[in-house]
N, C-alpha and C. Protein backbone atom coordinates (compact mmCIF):
# COMPACT_ATOMS: atom_id res chain seq x y z
N UNK A 1 250.67 29.67 -57.11
CA UNK A 1 250.46 31.09 -56.89
C UNK A 1 249.65 31.70 -58.03
N UNK A 2 249.05 32.82 -57.75
CA UNK A 2 248.22 33.50 -58.72
C UNK A 2 248.99 34.50 -59.56
N UNK A 3 248.44 35.68 -59.67
CA UNK A 3 249.03 36.73 -60.50
C UNK A 3 250.36 37.20 -59.92
N UNK A 4 251.23 37.66 -60.84
CA UNK A 4 252.57 38.13 -60.46
C UNK A 4 252.58 39.65 -60.37
N UNK A 5 253.08 40.15 -59.26
CA UNK A 5 253.17 41.60 -59.03
C UNK A 5 254.63 41.96 -58.83
N UNK A 6 255.11 42.94 -59.59
CA UNK A 6 256.45 43.46 -59.40
C UNK A 6 256.34 44.69 -58.50
N UNK A 7 257.00 44.63 -57.35
CA UNK A 7 256.98 45.72 -56.37
C UNK A 7 258.29 46.49 -56.47
N UNK A 8 258.20 47.74 -56.90
CA UNK A 8 259.38 48.60 -57.01
C UNK A 8 259.29 49.63 -55.89
N UNK A 9 259.97 49.32 -54.79
CA UNK A 9 259.88 50.08 -53.55
C UNK A 9 261.23 49.96 -52.83
N UNK A 10 261.65 51.04 -52.15
CA UNK A 10 262.94 51.00 -51.46
C UNK A 10 262.83 50.87 -49.94
N UNK A 11 261.64 50.94 -49.38
CA UNK A 11 261.45 50.80 -47.94
C UNK A 11 261.34 49.30 -47.61
N UNK A 12 262.40 48.76 -47.01
CA UNK A 12 262.49 47.32 -46.74
C UNK A 12 261.33 46.82 -45.88
N UNK A 13 260.96 47.58 -44.86
CA UNK A 13 259.85 47.16 -43.99
C UNK A 13 258.53 47.10 -44.75
N UNK A 14 258.29 48.10 -45.58
CA UNK A 14 257.06 48.13 -46.37
C UNK A 14 257.05 46.99 -47.39
N UNK A 15 258.20 46.71 -47.97
CA UNK A 15 258.31 45.60 -48.93
C UNK A 15 257.87 44.30 -48.27
N UNK A 16 258.42 44.01 -47.09
CA UNK A 16 258.08 42.77 -46.38
C UNK A 16 256.60 42.71 -46.04
N UNK A 17 256.06 43.84 -45.59
CA UNK A 17 254.65 43.90 -45.19
C UNK A 17 253.73 43.66 -46.39
N UNK A 18 253.99 44.35 -47.49
CA UNK A 18 253.18 44.18 -48.71
C UNK A 18 253.31 42.75 -49.23
N UNK A 19 254.54 42.26 -49.27
CA UNK A 19 254.79 40.92 -49.80
C UNK A 19 254.03 39.86 -48.99
N UNK A 20 254.12 39.92 -47.67
CA UNK A 20 253.42 38.95 -46.82
C UNK A 20 251.91 39.05 -46.99
N UNK A 21 251.41 40.27 -47.02
CA UNK A 21 249.97 40.48 -47.13
C UNK A 21 249.45 39.93 -48.46
N UNK A 22 250.11 40.29 -49.56
CA UNK A 22 249.63 39.86 -50.87
C UNK A 22 249.84 38.36 -51.10
N UNK A 23 250.91 37.79 -50.54
CA UNK A 23 251.11 36.34 -50.63
C UNK A 23 249.94 35.59 -50.00
N UNK A 24 249.40 36.13 -48.92
CA UNK A 24 248.26 35.50 -48.25
C UNK A 24 247.02 35.48 -49.14
N UNK A 25 246.98 36.35 -50.14
CA UNK A 25 245.86 36.40 -51.09
C UNK A 25 246.25 35.80 -52.44
N UNK A 26 247.25 34.95 -52.43
CA UNK A 26 247.67 34.16 -53.59
C UNK A 26 248.33 34.99 -54.69
N UNK A 27 248.94 36.12 -54.35
CA UNK A 27 249.73 36.88 -55.31
C UNK A 27 251.20 36.53 -55.11
N UNK A 28 251.92 36.43 -56.21
CA UNK A 28 253.37 36.23 -56.15
C UNK A 28 254.02 37.59 -56.32
N UNK A 29 254.74 38.04 -55.30
CA UNK A 29 255.34 39.38 -55.32
C UNK A 29 256.84 39.26 -55.59
N UNK A 30 257.28 39.90 -56.66
CA UNK A 30 258.70 39.99 -56.99
C UNK A 30 259.16 41.37 -56.54
N UNK A 31 260.38 41.46 -56.03
CA UNK A 31 260.89 42.75 -55.55
C UNK A 31 262.20 43.10 -56.24
N UNK A 32 262.59 44.34 -56.10
CA UNK A 32 263.84 44.84 -56.66
C UNK A 32 264.89 44.85 -55.56
N UNK A 33 266.01 44.20 -55.80
CA UNK A 33 267.08 44.20 -54.81
C UNK A 33 268.22 45.13 -55.21
N UNK A 34 268.42 45.30 -56.50
CA UNK A 34 269.48 46.17 -57.00
C UNK A 34 268.83 47.28 -57.84
N UNK A 35 268.85 48.48 -57.31
CA UNK A 35 268.16 49.58 -57.98
C UNK A 35 268.87 50.06 -59.24
N UNK A 36 270.04 49.50 -59.53
CA UNK A 36 270.70 49.80 -60.80
C UNK A 36 270.14 48.93 -61.93
N UNK A 37 269.40 47.90 -61.57
CA UNK A 37 268.86 46.96 -62.57
C UNK A 37 267.34 46.99 -62.67
N UNK A 38 266.72 48.10 -62.31
CA UNK A 38 265.26 48.17 -62.34
C UNK A 38 264.74 47.93 -63.76
N UNK A 39 265.34 48.59 -64.74
CA UNK A 39 264.86 48.44 -66.12
C UNK A 39 264.91 46.98 -66.56
N UNK A 40 266.01 46.33 -66.26
CA UNK A 40 266.19 44.93 -66.64
C UNK A 40 265.09 44.07 -66.00
N UNK A 41 264.84 44.29 -64.73
CA UNK A 41 263.83 43.51 -63.99
C UNK A 41 262.43 43.76 -64.56
N UNK A 42 262.13 45.01 -64.89
CA UNK A 42 260.82 45.34 -65.45
C UNK A 42 260.56 44.56 -66.72
N UNK A 43 261.56 44.50 -67.59
CA UNK A 43 261.36 43.88 -68.89
C UNK A 43 261.58 42.38 -68.89
N UNK A 44 262.28 41.84 -67.89
CA UNK A 44 262.49 40.39 -67.82
C UNK A 44 261.35 39.68 -67.11
N UNK A 45 260.79 40.31 -66.11
CA UNK A 45 259.70 39.69 -65.36
C UNK A 45 258.44 39.66 -66.21
N UNK A 46 257.68 38.63 -66.06
CA UNK A 46 256.38 38.53 -66.73
C UNK A 46 255.31 38.91 -65.71
N UNK A 47 255.29 40.18 -65.35
CA UNK A 47 254.39 40.66 -64.31
C UNK A 47 253.00 40.93 -64.86
N UNK A 48 252.01 40.73 -63.98
CA UNK A 48 250.64 41.07 -64.33
C UNK A 48 250.31 42.49 -63.90
N UNK A 49 251.10 43.03 -62.96
CA UNK A 49 250.87 44.37 -62.43
C UNK A 49 252.15 44.85 -61.77
N UNK A 50 252.37 46.16 -61.80
CA UNK A 50 253.53 46.75 -61.14
C UNK A 50 253.05 47.74 -60.08
N UNK A 51 253.58 47.60 -58.86
CA UNK A 51 253.39 48.59 -57.81
C UNK A 51 254.66 49.43 -57.79
N UNK A 52 254.53 50.73 -58.00
CA UNK A 52 255.69 51.59 -58.23
C UNK A 52 255.73 52.76 -57.27
N UNK A 53 256.83 52.86 -56.53
CA UNK A 53 257.07 54.02 -55.67
C UNK A 53 257.65 55.13 -56.55
N UNK A 54 257.47 56.36 -56.15
CA UNK A 54 258.04 57.49 -56.91
C UNK A 54 259.43 57.85 -56.38
N UNK A 55 259.59 57.87 -55.06
CA UNK A 55 260.87 58.24 -54.45
C UNK A 55 261.79 57.03 -54.40
N UNK A 56 262.61 56.88 -55.42
CA UNK A 56 263.53 55.75 -55.50
C UNK A 56 264.97 56.24 -55.48
N UNK A 57 265.93 55.39 -55.13
CA UNK A 57 267.32 55.81 -54.96
C UNK A 57 267.98 56.43 -56.20
N UNK A 58 267.88 55.82 -57.35
CA UNK A 58 268.65 56.29 -58.51
C UNK A 58 267.85 57.26 -59.37
N UNK A 59 266.77 56.79 -59.92
CA UNK A 59 265.88 57.61 -60.74
C UNK A 59 264.49 57.55 -60.14
N UNK A 60 263.68 58.59 -60.35
CA UNK A 60 262.36 58.55 -59.72
C UNK A 60 261.39 57.65 -60.49
N UNK A 61 260.32 57.30 -59.82
CA UNK A 61 259.33 56.40 -60.39
C UNK A 61 258.68 56.92 -61.66
N UNK A 62 258.59 58.24 -61.81
CA UNK A 62 258.00 58.80 -63.03
C UNK A 62 258.82 58.41 -64.25
N UNK A 63 260.13 58.36 -64.10
CA UNK A 63 261.01 57.94 -65.20
C UNK A 63 260.65 56.51 -65.63
N UNK A 64 260.51 55.62 -64.64
CA UNK A 64 260.21 54.22 -64.95
C UNK A 64 258.79 54.06 -65.49
N UNK A 65 257.87 54.88 -65.02
CA UNK A 65 256.50 54.83 -65.53
C UNK A 65 256.48 55.18 -67.02
N UNK A 66 257.22 56.23 -67.40
CA UNK A 66 257.30 56.59 -68.83
C UNK A 66 257.88 55.45 -69.64
N UNK A 67 258.92 54.83 -69.12
CA UNK A 67 259.58 53.71 -69.80
C UNK A 67 258.62 52.53 -69.97
N UNK A 68 257.90 52.21 -68.91
CA UNK A 68 256.93 51.11 -68.96
C UNK A 68 255.88 51.40 -70.01
N UNK A 69 255.34 52.59 -70.02
CA UNK A 69 254.26 52.94 -70.95
C UNK A 69 254.72 52.93 -72.40
N UNK A 70 256.00 53.24 -72.65
CA UNK A 70 256.51 53.23 -74.02
C UNK A 70 256.59 51.82 -74.58
N UNK A 71 256.89 50.84 -73.70
CA UNK A 71 257.20 49.50 -74.20
C UNK A 71 256.26 48.39 -73.75
N UNK A 72 255.51 48.59 -72.68
CA UNK A 72 254.69 47.51 -72.14
C UNK A 72 253.26 47.95 -71.90
N UNK A 73 252.38 46.97 -71.88
CA UNK A 73 250.99 47.24 -71.55
C UNK A 73 250.64 46.51 -70.26
N UNK A 74 251.32 46.88 -69.19
CA UNK A 74 251.13 46.28 -67.87
C UNK A 74 250.49 47.34 -66.98
N UNK A 75 249.47 46.97 -66.21
CA UNK A 75 248.89 47.95 -65.29
C UNK A 75 249.90 48.37 -64.22
N UNK A 76 249.87 49.65 -63.88
CA UNK A 76 250.78 50.21 -62.88
C UNK A 76 249.97 50.97 -61.84
N UNK A 77 250.22 50.65 -60.57
CA UNK A 77 249.64 51.42 -59.47
C UNK A 77 250.80 52.09 -58.75
N UNK A 78 250.74 53.40 -58.65
CA UNK A 78 251.76 54.14 -57.91
C UNK A 78 251.42 54.08 -56.43
N UNK A 79 252.43 53.78 -55.62
CA UNK A 79 252.30 53.76 -54.16
C UNK A 79 253.37 54.73 -53.66
N UNK A 80 252.96 55.93 -53.22
CA UNK A 80 253.94 56.97 -52.93
C UNK A 80 253.56 57.82 -51.72
N UNK A 81 254.59 58.37 -51.09
CA UNK A 81 254.35 59.32 -50.00
C UNK A 81 254.07 60.71 -50.55
N UNK A 82 254.28 60.89 -51.84
CA UNK A 82 253.97 62.19 -52.46
C UNK A 82 252.45 62.30 -52.60
N UNK A 83 251.86 63.08 -51.71
CA UNK A 83 250.40 63.14 -51.66
C UNK A 83 249.82 64.40 -52.30
N UNK A 84 250.68 65.26 -52.83
CA UNK A 84 250.18 66.49 -53.44
C UNK A 84 249.34 66.16 -54.68
N UNK A 85 248.31 66.93 -54.87
CA UNK A 85 247.41 66.71 -56.00
C UNK A 85 248.16 66.74 -57.33
N UNK A 86 249.09 67.67 -57.48
CA UNK A 86 249.84 67.78 -58.74
C UNK A 86 250.64 66.51 -59.04
N UNK A 87 251.21 65.90 -58.01
CA UNK A 87 251.97 64.66 -58.18
C UNK A 87 251.05 63.52 -58.61
N UNK A 88 249.89 63.44 -57.98
CA UNK A 88 248.93 62.39 -58.32
C UNK A 88 248.43 62.55 -59.76
N UNK A 89 248.13 63.78 -60.14
CA UNK A 89 247.68 64.05 -61.50
C UNK A 89 248.78 63.70 -62.49
N UNK A 90 250.01 64.07 -62.18
CA UNK A 90 251.14 63.74 -63.06
C UNK A 90 251.25 62.23 -63.25
N UNK A 91 251.15 61.48 -62.17
CA UNK A 91 251.23 60.03 -62.26
C UNK A 91 250.15 59.43 -63.15
N UNK A 92 248.94 59.89 -62.96
CA UNK A 92 247.82 59.39 -63.78
C UNK A 92 248.01 59.82 -65.23
N UNK A 93 248.41 61.08 -65.44
CA UNK A 93 248.63 61.58 -66.81
C UNK A 93 249.74 60.82 -67.53
N UNK A 94 250.73 60.35 -66.79
CA UNK A 94 251.84 59.60 -67.40
C UNK A 94 251.47 58.14 -67.67
N UNK A 95 250.29 57.73 -67.20
CA UNK A 95 249.83 56.38 -67.54
C UNK A 95 249.59 55.43 -66.39
N UNK A 96 249.72 55.90 -65.15
CA UNK A 96 249.42 55.02 -64.02
C UNK A 96 247.92 54.70 -64.02
N UNK A 97 247.59 53.49 -63.63
CA UNK A 97 246.19 53.09 -63.57
C UNK A 97 245.52 53.53 -62.27
N UNK A 98 246.33 53.77 -61.25
CA UNK A 98 245.82 54.25 -59.97
C UNK A 98 246.98 54.85 -59.19
N UNK A 99 246.66 55.56 -58.12
CA UNK A 99 247.67 56.23 -57.30
C UNK A 99 247.23 56.12 -55.85
N UNK A 100 248.04 55.51 -55.02
CA UNK A 100 247.74 55.36 -53.60
C UNK A 100 248.80 56.11 -52.81
N UNK A 101 248.35 56.94 -51.86
CA UNK A 101 249.31 57.69 -51.06
C UNK A 101 249.58 56.97 -49.73
N UNK A 102 250.84 57.04 -49.31
CA UNK A 102 251.26 56.46 -48.03
C UNK A 102 250.95 57.45 -46.92
N UNK A 103 250.59 57.00 -45.76
CA UNK A 103 250.28 55.62 -45.39
C UNK A 103 248.93 55.21 -45.97
N UNK A 104 248.75 53.90 -46.14
CA UNK A 104 247.51 53.38 -46.71
C UNK A 104 247.13 52.09 -46.02
N UNK A 105 245.89 51.72 -46.20
CA UNK A 105 245.37 50.46 -45.66
C UNK A 105 245.69 49.33 -46.63
N UNK A 106 246.12 48.19 -46.12
CA UNK A 106 246.39 47.05 -46.99
C UNK A 106 245.11 46.56 -47.66
N UNK A 107 244.00 46.70 -46.98
CA UNK A 107 242.72 46.32 -47.59
C UNK A 107 242.42 47.16 -48.82
N UNK A 108 242.70 48.46 -48.74
CA UNK A 108 242.50 49.35 -49.89
C UNK A 108 243.46 48.98 -51.01
N UNK A 109 244.72 48.70 -50.68
CA UNK A 109 245.69 48.29 -51.70
C UNK A 109 245.20 47.04 -52.41
N UNK A 110 244.77 46.04 -51.65
CA UNK A 110 244.29 44.79 -52.24
C UNK A 110 243.07 45.05 -53.13
N UNK A 111 242.14 45.86 -52.67
CA UNK A 111 240.94 46.16 -53.46
C UNK A 111 241.31 46.85 -54.77
N UNK A 112 242.25 47.78 -54.73
CA UNK A 112 242.66 48.48 -55.95
C UNK A 112 243.40 47.54 -56.90
N UNK A 113 244.25 46.67 -56.37
CA UNK A 113 244.94 45.68 -57.21
C UNK A 113 243.92 44.79 -57.89
N UNK A 114 242.97 44.27 -57.12
CA UNK A 114 241.94 43.40 -57.69
C UNK A 114 241.13 44.11 -58.77
N UNK A 115 240.76 45.36 -58.52
CA UNK A 115 239.97 46.12 -59.49
C UNK A 115 240.74 46.35 -60.78
N UNK A 116 241.99 46.77 -60.67
CA UNK A 116 242.80 47.03 -61.86
C UNK A 116 243.01 45.74 -62.65
N UNK A 117 243.32 44.65 -61.96
CA UNK A 117 243.53 43.37 -62.66
C UNK A 117 242.24 42.87 -63.30
N UNK A 118 241.12 43.08 -62.64
CA UNK A 118 239.83 42.69 -63.22
C UNK A 118 239.58 43.43 -64.52
N UNK A 119 239.82 44.74 -64.50
CA UNK A 119 239.61 45.56 -65.71
C UNK A 119 240.55 45.14 -66.83
N UNK A 120 241.82 45.00 -66.51
CA UNK A 120 242.79 44.71 -67.57
C UNK A 120 242.66 43.29 -68.08
N UNK A 121 242.29 42.34 -67.24
CA UNK A 121 242.14 40.97 -67.73
C UNK A 121 240.93 40.85 -68.63
N UNK A 122 239.86 41.60 -68.35
CA UNK A 122 238.69 41.54 -69.23
C UNK A 122 238.99 42.21 -70.56
N UNK A 123 239.83 43.23 -70.55
CA UNK A 123 240.23 43.87 -71.81
C UNK A 123 241.11 42.92 -72.61
N UNK A 124 242.07 42.28 -71.94
CA UNK A 124 242.97 41.36 -72.63
C UNK A 124 242.22 40.18 -73.23
N UNK A 125 241.19 39.69 -72.54
CA UNK A 125 240.44 38.55 -73.02
C UNK A 125 239.63 38.87 -74.27
N UNK A 126 239.36 40.12 -74.53
CA UNK A 126 238.55 40.50 -75.68
C UNK A 126 239.35 40.60 -76.97
N UNK A 127 240.67 40.48 -76.90
CA UNK A 127 241.51 40.54 -78.10
C UNK A 127 242.47 39.35 -78.07
N UNK A 128 242.44 38.58 -79.15
CA UNK A 128 243.38 37.47 -79.28
C UNK A 128 244.41 37.90 -80.31
N UNK A 129 245.68 37.84 -79.92
CA UNK A 129 246.74 38.34 -80.79
C UNK A 129 247.76 37.23 -81.05
N UNK A 130 248.00 36.97 -82.34
CA UNK A 130 249.02 36.01 -82.75
C UNK A 130 249.86 36.68 -83.83
N UNK A 131 251.13 36.91 -83.51
CA UNK A 131 252.04 37.64 -84.40
C UNK A 131 251.42 38.98 -84.77
N UNK A 132 251.14 39.21 -86.05
CA UNK A 132 250.58 40.51 -86.45
C UNK A 132 249.07 40.45 -86.66
N UNK A 133 248.45 39.34 -86.28
CA UNK A 133 247.01 39.17 -86.46
C UNK A 133 246.31 39.39 -85.13
N UNK A 134 245.25 40.23 -85.15
CA UNK A 134 244.47 40.48 -83.94
C UNK A 134 243.01 40.16 -84.24
N UNK A 135 242.40 39.37 -83.35
CA UNK A 135 240.98 39.05 -83.45
C UNK A 135 240.26 39.77 -82.32
N UNK A 136 239.41 40.72 -82.69
CA UNK A 136 238.64 41.49 -81.72
C UNK A 136 237.32 40.77 -81.51
N UNK A 137 237.17 40.18 -80.33
CA UNK A 137 236.04 39.31 -80.05
C UNK A 137 234.71 40.04 -80.01
N UNK A 138 234.67 41.21 -79.40
CA UNK A 138 233.40 41.91 -79.27
C UNK A 138 232.81 42.31 -80.61
N UNK A 139 233.63 42.77 -81.53
CA UNK A 139 233.12 43.21 -82.82
C UNK A 139 233.27 42.17 -83.92
N UNK A 140 233.75 40.96 -83.55
CA UNK A 140 234.01 39.90 -84.52
C UNK A 140 234.77 40.46 -85.73
N UNK A 141 235.89 41.10 -85.42
CA UNK A 141 236.69 41.77 -86.45
C UNK A 141 238.11 41.21 -86.42
N UNK A 142 238.68 41.05 -87.59
CA UNK A 142 240.04 40.56 -87.74
C UNK A 142 240.88 41.69 -88.32
N UNK A 143 242.04 41.93 -87.70
CA UNK A 143 242.93 42.98 -88.19
C UNK A 143 244.34 42.44 -88.34
N UNK A 144 245.00 42.87 -89.41
CA UNK A 144 246.42 42.62 -89.59
C UNK A 144 247.08 43.98 -89.64
N UNK A 145 248.34 44.03 -90.02
CA UNK A 145 249.05 45.31 -90.03
C UNK A 145 248.38 46.35 -90.93
N UNK A 146 247.84 45.90 -92.06
CA UNK A 146 247.28 46.89 -92.99
C UNK A 146 245.88 46.56 -93.49
N UNK A 147 245.22 45.56 -92.91
CA UNK A 147 243.86 45.20 -93.34
C UNK A 147 242.97 44.98 -92.12
N UNK A 148 241.69 45.21 -92.35
CA UNK A 148 240.69 44.96 -91.33
C UNK A 148 239.45 44.39 -92.01
N UNK A 149 238.84 43.36 -91.40
CA UNK A 149 237.64 42.80 -92.00
C UNK A 149 236.68 42.31 -90.93
N UNK A 150 235.39 42.48 -91.22
CA UNK A 150 234.35 41.95 -90.34
C UNK A 150 234.15 40.48 -90.66
N UNK A 151 233.84 39.70 -89.64
CA UNK A 151 233.67 38.26 -89.81
C UNK A 151 232.23 37.85 -89.53
N UNK A 152 231.80 36.80 -90.23
CA UNK A 152 230.50 36.21 -89.90
C UNK A 152 230.66 35.43 -88.60
N UNK A 153 229.55 34.99 -88.01
CA UNK A 153 229.63 34.22 -86.76
C UNK A 153 230.46 32.96 -86.94
N UNK A 154 230.22 32.24 -88.04
CA UNK A 154 230.95 31.00 -88.28
C UNK A 154 232.44 31.25 -88.52
N UNK A 155 232.77 32.29 -89.29
CA UNK A 155 234.17 32.64 -89.52
C UNK A 155 234.85 32.98 -88.19
N UNK A 156 234.15 33.77 -87.39
CA UNK A 156 234.68 34.17 -86.09
C UNK A 156 234.95 32.95 -85.21
N UNK A 157 233.96 32.06 -85.11
CA UNK A 157 234.10 30.87 -84.26
C UNK A 157 235.27 30.00 -84.70
N UNK A 158 235.39 29.77 -86.01
CA UNK A 158 236.49 28.95 -86.52
C UNK A 158 237.85 29.61 -86.26
N UNK A 159 237.94 30.88 -86.56
CA UNK A 159 239.20 31.60 -86.37
C UNK A 159 239.59 31.63 -84.89
N UNK A 160 238.61 31.82 -84.02
CA UNK A 160 238.89 31.84 -82.58
C UNK A 160 239.45 30.49 -82.13
N UNK A 161 238.90 29.40 -82.65
CA UNK A 161 239.41 28.07 -82.31
C UNK A 161 240.87 27.93 -82.75
N UNK A 162 241.18 28.38 -83.96
CA UNK A 162 242.54 28.26 -84.48
C UNK A 162 243.53 29.15 -83.74
N UNK A 163 243.10 30.34 -83.35
CA UNK A 163 244.01 31.28 -82.69
C UNK A 163 244.20 31.00 -81.21
N UNK A 164 243.21 30.38 -80.57
CA UNK A 164 243.34 30.05 -79.13
C UNK A 164 244.24 28.90 -78.99
């Protein structure tokens, strides 16, 4: 299977539909079965992307979006029946990478997932991080907690080999 998607949704029929559709495109879809353990699932799963509904049984999706943004750097696409402009703006302002209103086309959902993952994977590939050391590939720059230095081409190439 390909990339892992955590689907946080309470509509059982929609869950099955999304899961089947995305599985056909080589995505592994994890779902939430116990809405009391959403936080645990978010932080235990090694997801590449989260699809997040806003109207959830215990706490709303905005709560979980804030939590995700405080602790993780995972792309989030909101999938919600809340179609008001203010709700969409709030979702994006809180850190969602995209917002899709229900009902929606599965083709559009797939295209948005692919686009977000394309953007985030290219960003992730440009920084190599090992413990507190970060190698910024585009600028050939090395950073630690309190130092930053530019590298020559040869220094960069050697360090990249060691860090990869």
